[in-house]
């Protein structure tokens, strides 16, 4: 038998965490609104792959090692914050380039985002988020019996459950937000405004993440 306890309470807690606004949700919704449901679902898949990586690391004890090391925690925190700031800045700067392109050709279509790019950005956004790392370390042990003999498998099960619930939640938001894509398509001013809002949000989240203390 596995050593997991109060699995229902764990699943409910993960769901509540998943519907709380954060970098992952902002990324998924932003891509879905700007580029359609497919882009949102691909972004959610990338986020889920990042969560699965955390789950495997947690099961092997690597996550606990990172959380226990101030140097490693600071490195992950700064890398994650810098990436969010870079991503947000790139989105904001890109809106001015889009404005120039629109002036040159009013019939130009918005370039589609590649599947690999969407997966990679979603993966890195989650992988470099110390809050996810700390959640795995601080929260998961509460639902694993310390007297058990299957800790590794139990932590892996909890981690994969977390990734699955978060993936379903993100996909739901992606589908709902993707409904607005037809309104956004063809309206370059609205596209630029959305990119600037999401970009500014990412920059703010990056700064907040970089200033997070252990």
N, C-alpha and C. Protein backbone atom coordinates (compact mmCIF):
# COMPACT_ATOMS: atom_id res chain seq x y z
N UNK A 1 0.84 -1.20 0.00
CA UNK A 1 0.00 0.00 0.00
C UNK A 1 0.88 1.25 0.00
N UNK A 2 0.37 2.29 -0.65
CA UNK A 2 1.08 3.55 -0.63
C UNK A 2 0.87 4.26 0.70
N UNK A 3 1.70 5.26 0.96
CA UNK A 3 1.67 5.94 2.25
C UNK A 3 0.90 7.25 2.21
N UNK A 4 0.09 7.47 1.17
CA UNK A 4 -0.65 8.71 1.02
C UNK A 4 -1.84 8.73 1.97
N UNK A 5 -2.04 9.87 2.64
CA UNK A 5 -3.18 10.03 3.55
C UNK A 5 -3.98 11.27 3.15
N UNK A 6 -5.29 11.25 3.41
CA UNK A 6 -6.17 12.40 3.13
C UNK A 6 -6.03 12.87 1.68
N UNK A 7 -6.13 11.93 0.77
CA UNK A 7 -5.93 12.26 -0.64
C UNK A 7 -6.98 13.25 -1.16
N UNK A 8 -8.22 13.12 -0.70
CA UNK A 8 -9.28 14.03 -1.13
C UNK A 8 -8.98 15.47 -0.73
N UNK A 9 -8.52 15.66 0.49
CA UNK A 9 -8.17 17.00 0.96
C UNK A 9 -7.00 17.56 0.15
N UNK A 10 -6.05 16.68 -0.17
CA UNK A 10 -4.91 17.10 -0.98
C UNK A 10 -5.38 17.58 -2.35
N UNK A 11 -6.25 16.81 -3.01
CA UNK A 11 -6.74 17.16 -4.34
C UNK A 11 -7.49 18.49 -4.31
N UNK A 12 -8.32 18.70 -3.27
CA UNK A 12 -9.06 19.94 -3.15
C UNK A 12 -8.12 21.13 -2.96
N UNK A 13 -7.09 20.95 -2.14
CA UNK A 13 -6.12 22.02 -1.90
C UNK A 13 -5.37 22.38 -3.18
N UNK A 14 -5.01 21.37 -3.95
CA UNK A 14 -4.30 21.61 -5.22
C UNK A 14 -5.20 22.36 -6.20
N UNK A 15 -6.47 21.99 -6.23
CA UNK A 15 -7.41 22.68 -7.12
C UNK A 15 -7.52 24.16 -6.76
N UNK A 16 -7.65 24.45 -5.46
CA UNK A 16 -7.74 25.84 -5.02
C UNK A 16 -6.48 26.62 -5.37
N UNK A 17 -5.34 25.95 -5.24
CA UNK A 17 -4.09 26.60 -5.63
C UNK A 17 -4.05 26.85 -7.13
N UNK A 18 -4.57 25.92 -7.91
CA UNK A 18 -4.50 26.01 -9.37
C UNK A 18 -5.34 27.16 -9.92
N UNK A 19 -6.45 27.49 -9.24
CA UNK A 19 -7.32 28.57 -9.74
C UNK A 19 -6.89 29.92 -9.19
N UNK A 20 -5.80 29.94 -8.39
CA UNK A 20 -5.27 31.20 -7.89
C UNK A 20 -4.37 31.82 -8.95
N UNK A 21 -4.59 33.10 -9.30
CA UNK A 21 -3.77 33.73 -10.34
C UNK A 21 -2.28 33.68 -10.02
N UNK A 22 -1.48 33.42 -11.03
CA UNK A 22 -0.04 33.35 -10.88
C UNK A 22 0.62 33.38 -12.25
N UNK A 23 1.95 33.22 -12.31
CA UNK A 23 2.66 33.27 -13.59
C UNK A 23 2.17 32.24 -14.59
N UNK A 24 1.90 31.01 -14.14
CA UNK A 24 1.46 29.96 -15.05
C UNK A 24 0.12 30.30 -15.69
N UNK A 25 -0.84 30.70 -14.85
CA UNK A 25 -2.16 31.03 -15.37
C UNK A 25 -2.11 32.24 -16.29
N UNK A 26 -1.31 33.26 -15.91
CA UNK A 26 -1.19 34.45 -16.75
C UNK A 26 -0.63 34.10 -18.12
N UNK A 27 0.34 33.21 -18.14
CA UNK A 27 0.95 32.80 -19.41
C UNK A 27 -0.05 32.04 -20.28
N UNK A 28 -0.75 31.09 -19.68
CA UNK A 28 -1.71 30.27 -20.44
C UNK A 28 -2.84 31.12 -20.99
N UNK A 29 -3.44 31.95 -20.15
CA UNK A 29 -4.56 32.78 -20.59
C UNK A 29 -4.10 33.80 -21.62
N UNK A 30 -2.93 34.40 -21.39
CA UNK A 30 -2.42 35.39 -22.34
C UNK A 30 -2.22 34.80 -23.72
N UNK A 31 -1.63 33.61 -23.80
CA UNK A 31 -1.41 32.95 -25.09
C UNK A 31 -2.73 32.52 -25.72
N UNK A 32 -3.67 32.08 -24.91
CA UNK A 32 -4.95 31.61 -25.43
C UNK A 32 -5.75 32.76 -26.02
N UNK A 33 -5.78 33.89 -25.33
CA UNK A 33 -6.52 35.05 -25.82
C UNK A 33 -5.88 35.61 -27.08
N UNK A 34 -4.54 35.68 -27.07
CA UNK A 34 -3.83 36.30 -28.19
C UNK A 34 -3.75 35.41 -29.41
N UNK A 35 -3.63 34.09 -29.20
CA UNK A 35 -3.34 33.18 -30.32
C UNK A 35 -4.31 32.01 -30.45
N UNK A 36 -5.34 31.94 -29.61
CA UNK A 36 -6.33 30.89 -29.75
C UNK A 36 -6.19 29.75 -28.74
N UNK A 37 -7.19 28.87 -28.75
CA UNK A 37 -7.24 27.77 -27.78
C UNK A 37 -6.04 26.83 -27.91
N UNK A 38 -5.64 26.56 -29.16
CA UNK A 38 -4.52 25.63 -29.36
C UNK A 38 -3.27 26.13 -28.66
N UNK A 39 -2.99 27.42 -28.79
CA UNK A 39 -1.81 28.00 -28.14
C UNK A 39 -1.93 27.90 -26.63
N UNK A 40 -3.13 28.14 -26.11
CA UNK A 40 -3.34 28.05 -24.67
C UNK A 40 -3.14 26.64 -24.14
N UNK A 41 -3.66 25.64 -24.88
CA UNK A 41 -3.52 24.25 -24.45
C UNK A 41 -2.07 23.80 -24.53
N UNK A 42 -1.35 24.22 -25.58
CA UNK A 42 0.07 23.89 -25.69
C UNK A 42 0.85 24.53 -24.54
N UNK A 43 0.50 25.75 -24.20
CA UNK A 43 1.16 26.43 -23.08
C UNK A 43 0.88 25.68 -21.77
N UNK A 44 -0.37 25.25 -21.59
CA UNK A 44 -0.73 24.48 -20.39
C UNK A 44 0.02 23.16 -20.34
N UNK A 45 0.26 22.56 -21.51
CA UNK A 45 1.03 21.31 -21.56
C UNK A 45 2.46 21.54 -21.11
N UNK A 46 3.05 22.66 -21.55
CA UNK A 46 4.40 22.98 -21.12
C UNK A 46 4.48 23.19 -19.62
N UNK A 47 3.47 23.87 -19.07
CA UNK A 47 3.41 24.09 -17.62
C UNK A 47 3.30 22.75 -16.89
N UNK A 48 2.48 21.84 -17.42
CA UNK A 48 2.30 20.52 -16.80
C UNK A 48 3.60 19.72 -16.83
N UNK A 49 4.35 19.83 -17.93
CA UNK A 49 5.64 19.13 -18.01
C UNK A 49 6.61 19.66 -16.95
N UNK A 50 6.56 20.97 -16.71
CA UNK A 50 7.39 21.55 -15.65
C UNK A 50 6.99 21.02 -14.29
N UNK A 51 5.68 20.88 -14.06
CA UNK A 51 5.19 20.34 -12.79
C UNK A 51 5.60 18.88 -12.62
N UNK A 52 5.56 18.12 -13.71
CA UNK A 52 5.99 16.72 -13.64
C UNK A 52 7.48 16.63 -13.30
N UNK A 53 8.27 17.55 -13.81
CA UNK A 53 9.69 17.55 -13.50
C UNK A 53 9.91 17.82 -12.01
N UNK A 54 9.14 18.76 -11.46
CA UNK A 54 9.20 19.01 -10.02
C UNK A 54 8.79 17.78 -9.23
N UNK A 55 7.77 17.08 -9.74
CA UNK A 55 7.28 15.89 -9.05
C UNK A 55 8.36 14.81 -8.99
N UNK A 56 9.03 14.59 -10.10
CA UNK A 56 10.09 13.58 -10.14
C UNK A 56 11.25 13.99 -9.23
N UNK A 57 11.61 15.29 -9.28
CA UNK A 57 12.69 15.78 -8.43
C UNK A 57 12.34 15.63 -6.96
N UNK A 58 11.07 15.90 -6.63
CA UNK A 58 10.63 15.76 -5.25
C UNK A 58 10.72 14.32 -4.79
N UNK A 59 10.30 13.42 -5.66
CA UNK A 59 10.33 12.00 -5.31
C UNK A 59 11.75 11.50 -5.09
N UNK A 60 12.70 12.08 -5.79
CA UNK A 60 14.09 11.66 -5.68
C UNK A 60 14.85 12.43 -4.61
N UNK A 61 14.19 13.40 -4.00
CA UNK A 61 14.84 14.16 -2.95
C UNK A 61 15.58 15.38 -3.43
N UNK A 62 15.57 15.66 -4.75
CA UNK A 62 16.31 16.81 -5.26
C UNK A 62 15.64 18.12 -4.89
N UNK A 63 14.31 18.12 -4.86
CA UNK A 63 13.59 19.34 -4.51
C UNK A 63 13.91 19.75 -3.08
N UNK A 64 13.95 18.80 -2.15
CA UNK A 64 14.29 19.10 -0.76
C UNK A 64 15.70 19.67 -0.66
N UNK A 65 16.60 19.16 -1.49
CA UNK A 65 17.97 19.66 -1.49
C UNK A 65 18.03 21.11 -1.92
N UNK A 66 17.29 21.45 -2.97
CA UNK A 66 17.27 22.82 -3.45
C UNK A 66 16.68 23.76 -2.40
N UNK A 67 15.57 23.34 -1.77
CA UNK A 67 14.90 24.19 -0.79
C UNK A 67 15.77 24.40 0.44
N UNK A 68 16.58 23.42 0.79
CA UNK A 68 17.42 23.50 1.98
C UNK A 68 18.67 24.34 1.75
N UNK A 69 19.01 24.59 0.51
CA UNK A 69 20.23 25.33 0.19
C UNK A 69 19.89 26.76 -0.17
N UNK A 70 20.30 27.73 0.65
CA UNK A 70 20.02 29.14 0.34
C UNK A 70 20.62 29.57 -1.00
N UNK A 71 21.79 29.05 -1.33
CA UNK A 71 22.44 29.43 -2.58
C UNK A 71 21.63 28.93 -3.77
N UNK A 72 21.23 27.65 -3.73
CA UNK A 72 20.46 27.08 -4.83
C UNK A 72 19.09 27.75 -4.95
N UNK A 73 18.46 28.02 -3.81
CA UNK A 73 17.16 28.68 -3.83
C UNK A 73 17.27 30.06 -4.47
N UNK A 74 18.28 30.82 -4.05
CA UNK A 74 18.49 32.16 -4.60
C UNK A 74 18.73 32.11 -6.11
N UNK A 75 19.51 31.12 -6.54
CA UNK A 75 19.81 30.98 -7.97
C UNK A 75 18.54 30.70 -8.77
N UNK A 76 17.74 29.75 -8.30
CA UNK A 76 16.50 29.42 -9.00
C UNK A 76 15.55 30.60 -8.99
N UNK A 77 15.47 31.29 -7.85
CA UNK A 77 14.58 32.44 -7.72
C UNK A 77 14.98 33.56 -8.69
N UNK A 78 16.25 33.88 -8.76
CA UNK A 78 16.72 34.95 -9.63
C UNK A 78 16.58 34.58 -11.11
N UNK A 79 16.87 33.32 -11.44
CA UNK A 79 16.72 32.88 -12.82
C UNK A 79 15.25 32.96 -13.24
N UNK A 80 14.36 32.49 -12.36
CA UNK A 80 12.93 32.55 -12.66
C UNK A 80 12.43 33.97 -12.81
N UNK A 81 12.85 34.85 -11.88
CA UNK A 81 12.44 36.25 -11.96
C UNK A 81 12.96 36.92 -13.22
N UNK A 82 14.23 36.65 -13.54
CA UNK A 82 14.84 37.25 -14.74
C UNK A 82 14.12 36.77 -16.00
N UNK A 83 13.73 35.50 -16.04
CA UNK A 83 13.05 34.97 -17.21
C UNK A 83 11.68 35.64 -17.40
N UNK A 84 10.95 35.80 -16.29
CA UNK A 84 9.64 36.44 -16.39
C UNK A 84 9.78 37.89 -16.85
N UNK A 85 10.78 38.60 -16.32
CA UNK A 85 11.01 39.98 -16.73
C UNK A 85 11.39 40.04 -18.21
N UNK A 86 12.25 39.11 -18.63
CA UNK A 86 12.65 39.06 -20.04
C UNK A 86 11.45 38.79 -20.93
N UNK A 87 10.64 37.81 -20.53
CA UNK A 87 9.47 37.44 -21.33
C UNK A 87 8.49 38.61 -21.43
N UNK A 88 8.25 39.28 -20.28
CA UNK A 88 7.33 40.42 -20.29
C UNK A 88 7.86 41.57 -21.11
N UNK A 89 9.15 41.86 -20.97
CA UNK A 89 9.76 42.95 -21.74
C UNK A 89 9.69 42.68 -23.23
N UNK A 90 9.93 41.42 -23.60
CA UNK A 90 9.88 41.05 -25.01
C UNK A 90 8.49 41.25 -25.59
N UNK A 91 7.46 40.92 -24.78
CA UNK A 91 6.09 41.10 -25.24
C UNK A 91 5.76 42.58 -25.42
N UNK A 92 6.18 43.41 -24.45
CA UNK A 92 5.89 44.84 -24.53
C UNK A 92 6.62 45.48 -25.71
N UNK A 93 7.91 45.17 -25.85
CA UNK A 93 8.69 45.73 -26.96
C UNK A 93 8.13 45.26 -28.30
N UNK A 94 7.66 44.02 -28.33
CA UNK A 94 7.10 43.47 -29.57
C UNK A 94 5.87 44.22 -30.05
N UNK A 95 5.13 44.84 -29.11
CA UNK A 95 3.93 45.57 -29.53
C UNK A 95 4.28 46.79 -30.37
N UNK A 96 5.43 47.41 -30.08
CA UNK A 96 5.84 48.57 -30.87
C UNK A 96 6.30 48.13 -32.26
N UNK A 97 6.93 46.95 -32.34
CA UNK A 97 7.31 46.41 -33.64
C UNK A 97 6.07 46.06 -34.44
N UNK A 98 5.05 45.53 -33.76
CA UNK A 98 3.81 45.20 -34.44
C UNK A 98 3.15 46.45 -35.01
N UNK A 99 3.26 47.55 -34.25
CA UNK A 99 2.65 48.79 -34.72
C UNK A 99 3.32 49.28 -35.99
N UNK A 100 4.66 49.13 -36.06
CA UNK A 100 5.37 49.53 -37.27
C UNK A 100 5.01 48.64 -38.44
N UNK A 101 4.89 47.33 -38.18
CA UNK A 101 4.53 46.40 -39.24
C UNK A 101 3.12 46.66 -39.74
N UNK A 102 2.22 47.05 -38.82
CA UNK A 102 0.84 47.34 -39.22
C UNK A 102 0.79 48.56 -40.12
N UNK A 103 1.62 49.55 -39.81
CA UNK A 103 1.64 50.75 -40.63
C UNK A 103 2.15 50.45 -42.03
N UNK A 104 3.07 49.47 -42.13
CA UNK A 104 3.62 49.12 -43.43
C UNK A 104 2.67 48.25 -44.23
N UNK A 105 1.90 47.42 -43.53
CA UNK A 105 0.97 46.53 -44.23
C UNK A 105 -0.23 46.25 -43.34
N UNK A 106 -1.37 46.81 -43.65
CA UNK A 106 -2.57 46.62 -42.84
C UNK A 106 -3.16 45.23 -42.98
N UNK A 107 -2.70 44.49 -44.00
CA UNK A 107 -3.26 43.16 -44.21
C UNK A 107 -2.39 42.07 -43.61
N UNK A 108 -1.33 42.43 -42.95
CA UNK A 108 -0.42 41.43 -42.37
C UNK A 108 -1.13 40.69 -41.24
N UNK A 109 -0.96 39.40 -41.20
CA UNK A 109 -1.55 38.59 -40.15
C UNK A 109 -0.59 38.46 -38.99
N UNK A 110 -1.13 38.24 -37.81
CA UNK A 110 -0.32 38.03 -36.62
C UNK A 110 0.40 36.70 -36.76
N UNK A 111 1.74 36.65 -36.60
CA UNK A 111 2.47 35.41 -36.77
C UNK A 111 2.08 34.38 -35.71
N UNK A 112 1.92 33.17 -36.16
CA UNK A 112 1.54 32.10 -35.23
C UNK A 112 2.73 31.70 -34.37
N UNK A 113 2.47 31.36 -33.12
CA UNK A 113 3.52 30.91 -32.22
C UNK A 113 3.76 29.43 -32.44
N UNK A 114 5.03 29.04 -32.55
CA UNK A 114 5.37 27.65 -32.76
C UNK A 114 5.03 26.79 -31.55
N UNK A 115 4.69 25.54 -31.81
CA UNK A 115 4.34 24.63 -30.72
C UNK A 115 5.50 24.46 -29.74
N UNK A 116 6.71 24.30 -30.29
CA UNK A 116 7.87 24.10 -29.43
C UNK A 116 8.11 25.31 -28.54
N UNK A 117 7.95 26.50 -29.09
CA UNK A 117 8.16 27.73 -28.32
C UNK A 117 7.17 27.83 -27.18
N UNK A 118 5.91 27.52 -27.44
CA UNK A 118 4.87 27.57 -26.41
C UNK A 118 5.14 26.55 -25.30
N UNK A 119 5.51 25.33 -25.71
CA UNK A 119 5.82 24.29 -24.71
C UNK A 119 7.04 24.69 -23.87
N UNK A 120 8.07 25.20 -24.54
CA UNK A 120 9.30 25.55 -23.84
C UNK A 120 9.08 26.67 -22.83
N UNK A 121 8.36 27.70 -23.23
CA UNK A 121 8.14 28.83 -22.33
C UNK A 121 7.28 28.41 -21.13
N UNK A 122 6.26 27.60 -21.37
CA UNK A 122 5.44 27.12 -20.27
C UNK A 122 6.24 26.25 -19.31
N UNK A 123 7.10 25.40 -19.88
CA UNK A 123 7.94 24.51 -19.09
C UNK A 123 8.90 25.30 -18.21
N UNK A 124 9.59 26.29 -18.80
CA UNK A 124 10.57 27.07 -18.05
C UNK A 124 9.90 27.94 -17.00
N UNK A 125 8.72 28.49 -17.33
CA UNK A 125 8.01 29.34 -16.38
C UNK A 125 7.71 28.59 -15.09
N UNK A 126 7.30 27.33 -15.20
CA UNK A 126 6.99 26.52 -14.02
C UNK A 126 8.25 25.97 -13.37
N UNK A 127 9.18 25.52 -14.18
CA UNK A 127 10.39 24.89 -13.65
C UNK A 127 11.20 25.85 -12.81
N UNK A 128 11.23 27.12 -13.17
CA UNK A 128 12.05 28.10 -12.45
C UNK A 128 11.25 28.91 -11.43
N UNK A 129 10.07 28.41 -11.07
CA UNK A 129 9.24 29.10 -10.09
C UNK A 129 9.48 28.50 -8.70
N UNK A 130 10.21 29.18 -7.81
CA UNK A 130 10.50 28.62 -6.49
C UNK A 130 9.26 28.35 -5.66
N UNK A 131 8.16 29.07 -5.94
CA UNK A 131 6.95 28.84 -5.16
C UNK A 131 6.41 27.43 -5.40
N UNK A 132 6.51 26.96 -6.64
CA UNK A 132 6.10 25.58 -6.94
C UNK A 132 7.02 24.61 -6.21
N UNK A 133 8.31 24.89 -6.27
CA UNK A 133 9.30 24.04 -5.60
C UNK A 133 9.01 23.96 -4.10
N UNK A 134 8.80 25.12 -3.47
CA UNK A 134 8.55 25.14 -2.04
C UNK A 134 7.21 24.49 -1.70
N UNK A 135 6.24 24.61 -2.59
CA UNK A 135 4.94 23.98 -2.35
C UNK A 135 5.10 22.46 -2.28
N UNK A 136 5.90 21.92 -3.18
CA UNK A 136 6.14 20.49 -3.18
C UNK A 136 6.80 20.06 -1.88
N UNK A 137 7.78 20.84 -1.41
CA UNK A 137 8.54 20.46 -0.23
C UNK A 137 7.74 20.63 1.06
N UNK A 138 7.06 21.78 1.19
CA UNK A 138 6.38 22.10 2.44
C UNK A 138 5.00 21.46 2.57
N UNK A 139 4.33 21.25 1.45
CA UNK A 139 2.94 20.80 1.50
C UNK A 139 2.79 19.29 1.40
N UNK A 140 3.54 18.67 0.51
CA UNK A 140 3.37 17.25 0.24
C UNK A 140 3.60 16.34 1.45
N UNK A 141 4.63 16.60 2.28
CA UNK A 141 4.87 15.69 3.41
C UNK A 141 3.69 15.56 4.37
N UNK A 142 2.80 16.54 4.38
CA UNK A 142 1.64 16.48 5.27
C UNK A 142 0.68 15.36 4.87
N UNK A 143 0.80 14.88 3.64
CA UNK A 143 -0.12 13.86 3.14
C UNK A 143 0.58 12.52 2.89
N UNK A 144 1.74 12.35 3.49
CA UNK A 144 2.46 11.08 3.41
C UNK A 144 2.80 10.62 4.82
N UNK A 145 2.41 9.40 5.15
CA UNK A 145 2.66 8.86 6.49
C UNK A 145 4.16 8.68 6.72
N UNK A 146 4.70 9.28 7.79
CA UNK A 146 6.14 9.16 8.05
C UNK A 146 6.57 7.74 8.41
N UNK A 147 5.61 6.90 8.85
CA UNK A 147 5.94 5.53 9.22
C UNK A 147 5.91 4.58 8.03
N UNK A 148 5.54 5.09 6.86
CA UNK A 148 5.42 4.23 5.69
C UNK A 148 6.75 3.82 5.11
N UNK A 149 6.68 2.93 4.12
CA UNK A 149 7.89 2.41 3.48
C UNK A 149 7.95 2.72 1.99
N UNK A 150 6.99 3.52 1.52
CA UNK A 150 6.93 3.81 0.08
C UNK A 150 6.89 5.32 -0.15
N UNK A 151 7.79 6.03 0.49
CA UNK A 151 7.77 7.49 0.39
C UNK A 151 8.00 7.98 -1.03
N UNK A 152 8.94 7.40 -1.72
CA UNK A 152 9.28 7.87 -3.06
C UNK A 152 8.09 7.76 -4.01
N UNK A 153 7.45 6.60 -4.01
CA UNK A 153 6.29 6.39 -4.89
C UNK A 153 5.13 7.29 -4.46
N UNK A 154 4.96 7.48 -3.15
CA UNK A 154 3.87 8.31 -2.64
C UNK A 154 4.06 9.77 -3.06
N UNK A 155 5.28 10.28 -2.93
CA UNK A 155 5.55 11.65 -3.35
C UNK A 155 5.37 11.80 -4.87
N UNK A 156 5.76 10.78 -5.60
CA UNK A 156 5.59 10.83 -7.05
C UNK A 156 4.11 10.87 -7.42
N UNK A 157 3.30 10.07 -6.72
CA UNK A 157 1.86 10.06 -6.98
C UNK A 157 1.24 11.42 -6.68
N UNK A 158 1.62 12.03 -5.57
CA UNK A 158 1.09 13.34 -5.23
C UNK A 158 1.53 14.38 -6.26
N UNK A 159 2.78 14.30 -6.69
CA UNK A 159 3.28 15.25 -7.67
C UNK A 159 2.57 15.15 -9.00
N UNK A 160 2.34 13.93 -9.46
CA UNK A 160 1.64 13.73 -10.73
C UNK A 160 0.18 14.14 -10.63
N UNK A 161 -0.41 13.93 -9.45
CA UNK A 161 -1.79 14.38 -9.22
C UNK A 161 -1.87 15.90 -9.30
N UNK A 162 -0.90 16.54 -8.68
CA UNK A 162 -0.82 18.01 -8.74
C UNK A 162 -0.72 18.47 -10.19
N UNK A 163 0.16 17.85 -10.97
CA UNK A 163 0.36 18.24 -12.37
C UNK A 163 -0.91 18.02 -13.18
N UNK A 164 -1.62 16.91 -12.94
CA UNK A 164 -2.83 16.61 -13.69
C UNK A 164 -3.94 17.60 -13.38
N UNK A 165 -4.16 17.89 -12.09
CA UNK A 165 -5.21 18.83 -11.72
C UNK A 165 -4.91 20.22 -12.27
N UNK A 166 -3.65 20.64 -12.16
CA UNK A 166 -3.26 21.95 -12.67
C UNK A 166 -3.42 22.00 -14.19
N UNK A 167 -3.09 20.91 -14.87
CA UNK A 167 -3.23 20.86 -16.33
C UNK A 167 -4.69 20.98 -16.75
N UNK A 168 -5.57 20.24 -16.09
CA UNK A 168 -7.00 20.32 -16.43
C UNK A 168 -7.54 21.72 -16.18
N UNK A 169 -7.12 22.31 -15.05
CA UNK A 169 -7.57 23.67 -14.73
C UNK A 169 -7.08 24.68 -15.75
N UNK A 170 -5.79 24.59 -16.11
CA UNK A 170 -5.22 25.51 -17.09
C UNK A 170 -5.88 25.36 -18.45
N UNK A 171 -6.15 24.10 -18.85
CA UNK A 171 -6.81 23.87 -20.14
C UNK A 171 -8.21 24.45 -20.15
N UNK A 172 -8.90 24.36 -19.01
CA UNK A 172 -10.24 24.94 -18.91
C UNK A 172 -10.20 26.44 -19.12
N UNK A 173 -9.24 27.08 -18.45
CA UNK A 173 -9.09 28.53 -18.63
C UNK A 173 -8.68 28.86 -20.06
N UNK A 174 -7.84 28.00 -20.66
CA UNK A 174 -7.39 28.23 -22.03
C UNK A 174 -8.56 28.18 -23.01
N UNK A 175 -9.45 27.21 -22.83
CA UNK A 175 -10.62 27.07 -23.71
C UNK A 175 -11.56 28.26 -23.54
N UNK A 176 -11.80 28.65 -22.29
CA UNK A 176 -12.68 29.78 -22.04
C UNK A 176 -12.09 31.08 -22.59
N UNK A 177 -10.80 31.28 -22.35
CA UNK A 177 -10.14 32.49 -22.83
C UNK A 177 -10.00 32.48 -24.35
N UNK A 178 -9.84 31.27 -24.92
CA UNK A 178 -9.68 31.16 -26.36
C UNK A 178 -10.90 31.60 -27.13
N UNK A 179 -12.03 31.62 -26.47
CA UNK A 179 -13.25 32.08 -27.12
C UNK A 179 -13.16 33.54 -27.53
N UNK A 180 -12.27 34.27 -26.87
CA UNK A 180 -12.10 35.68 -27.20
C UNK A 180 -11.12 35.89 -28.34
N UNK A 181 -10.49 34.81 -28.80
CA UNK A 181 -9.46 34.95 -29.82
C UNK A 181 -10.02 35.50 -31.13
N UNK A 182 -11.26 35.10 -31.49
CA UNK A 182 -11.84 35.58 -32.74
C UNK A 182 -12.10 37.09 -32.68
N UNK A 183 -12.35 37.61 -31.48
CA UNK A 183 -12.56 39.04 -31.32
C UNK A 183 -11.23 39.78 -31.43
N UNK A 184 -10.19 39.15 -30.88
CA UNK A 184 -8.87 39.77 -30.89
C UNK A 184 -8.26 39.75 -32.28
N UNK A 185 -8.49 38.63 -33.01
CA UNK A 185 -7.88 38.48 -34.33
C UNK A 185 -8.30 39.61 -35.25
N UNK A 186 -7.34 40.21 -35.93
CA UNK A 186 -7.63 41.29 -36.86
C UNK A 186 -7.67 42.66 -36.21
N UNK A 187 -7.75 42.72 -34.88
CA UNK A 187 -7.75 44.00 -34.17
C UNK A 187 -6.36 44.21 -33.58
N UNK A 188 -5.47 44.85 -34.34
CA UNK A 188 -4.08 44.98 -33.93
C UNK A 188 -3.94 45.84 -32.67
N UNK A 189 -4.77 46.84 -32.53
CA UNK A 189 -4.68 47.69 -31.34
C UNK A 189 -5.02 46.89 -30.08
N UNK A 190 -6.06 46.06 -30.18
CA UNK A 190 -6.45 45.24 -29.04
C UNK A 190 -5.37 44.20 -28.74
N UNK A 191 -4.78 43.63 -29.79
CA UNK A 191 -3.70 42.66 -29.60
C UNK A 191 -2.52 43.31 -28.87
N UNK A 192 -2.16 44.50 -29.31
CA UNK A 192 -1.04 45.19 -28.68
C UNK A 192 -1.35 45.53 -27.23
N UNK A 193 -2.60 45.95 -26.97
CA UNK A 193 -2.99 46.30 -25.60
C UNK A 193 -2.91 45.08 -24.69
N UNK A 194 -3.39 43.93 -25.19
CA UNK A 194 -3.34 42.70 -24.40
C UNK A 194 -1.90 42.27 -24.14
N UNK A 195 -1.06 42.35 -25.17
CA UNK A 195 0.34 41.98 -24.99
C UNK A 195 1.02 42.88 -23.97
N UNK A 196 0.68 44.16 -23.99
CA UNK A 196 1.29 45.08 -23.04
C UNK A 196 0.83 44.80 -21.61
N UNK A 197 -0.46 44.48 -21.47
CA UNK A 197 -0.99 44.17 -20.13
C UNK A 197 -0.35 42.90 -19.59
N UNK A 198 -0.34 41.83 -20.42
CA UNK A 198 0.26 40.57 -19.98
C UNK A 198 1.76 40.74 -19.76
N UNK A 199 2.42 41.48 -20.66
CA UNK A 199 3.85 41.70 -20.51
C UNK A 199 4.18 42.44 -19.22
N UNK A 200 3.40 43.50 -18.92
CA UNK A 200 3.61 44.25 -17.68
C UNK A 200 3.35 43.37 -16.46
N UNK A 201 2.35 42.49 -16.57
CA UNK A 201 2.06 41.56 -15.47
C UNK A 201 3.24 40.63 -15.23
N UNK A 202 3.81 40.11 -16.31
CA UNK A 202 4.96 39.21 -16.19
C UNK A 202 6.15 39.93 -15.57
N UNK A 203 6.37 41.19 -15.96
CA UNK A 203 7.48 41.95 -15.39
C UNK A 203 7.27 42.14 -13.88
N UNK A 204 6.03 42.49 -13.49
CA UNK A 204 5.72 42.67 -12.07
C UNK A 204 5.90 41.38 -11.29
N UNK A 205 5.43 40.26 -11.88
CA UNK A 205 5.58 38.97 -11.21
C UNK A 205 7.05 38.58 -11.10
N UNK A 206 7.83 38.91 -12.15
CA UNK A 206 9.26 38.60 -12.11
C UNK A 206 9.97 39.36 -11.01
N UNK A 207 9.64 40.65 -10.86
CA UNK A 207 10.24 41.46 -9.80
C UNK A 207 9.84 40.92 -8.43
N UNK A 208 8.56 40.59 -8.31
CA UNK A 208 8.06 40.05 -7.03
C UNK A 208 8.75 38.73 -6.70
N UNK A 209 8.92 37.90 -7.72
CA UNK A 209 9.56 36.61 -7.52
C UNK A 209 11.02 36.78 -7.10
N UNK A 210 11.72 37.71 -7.73
CA UNK A 210 13.13 37.94 -7.41
C UNK A 210 13.30 38.47 -5.99
N UNK A 211 12.28 39.15 -5.47
CA UNK A 211 12.36 39.71 -4.12
C UNK A 211 11.81 38.77 -3.06
N UNK A 212 11.31 37.59 -3.48
CA UNK A 212 10.76 36.64 -2.54
C UNK A 212 11.83 36.13 -1.59
N UNK A 213 11.51 36.07 -0.33
CA UNK A 213 12.45 35.54 0.67
C UNK A 213 12.08 34.11 1.03
N UNK A 214 13.05 33.37 1.52
CA UNK A 214 12.80 31.99 1.92
C UNK A 214 11.92 31.95 3.14
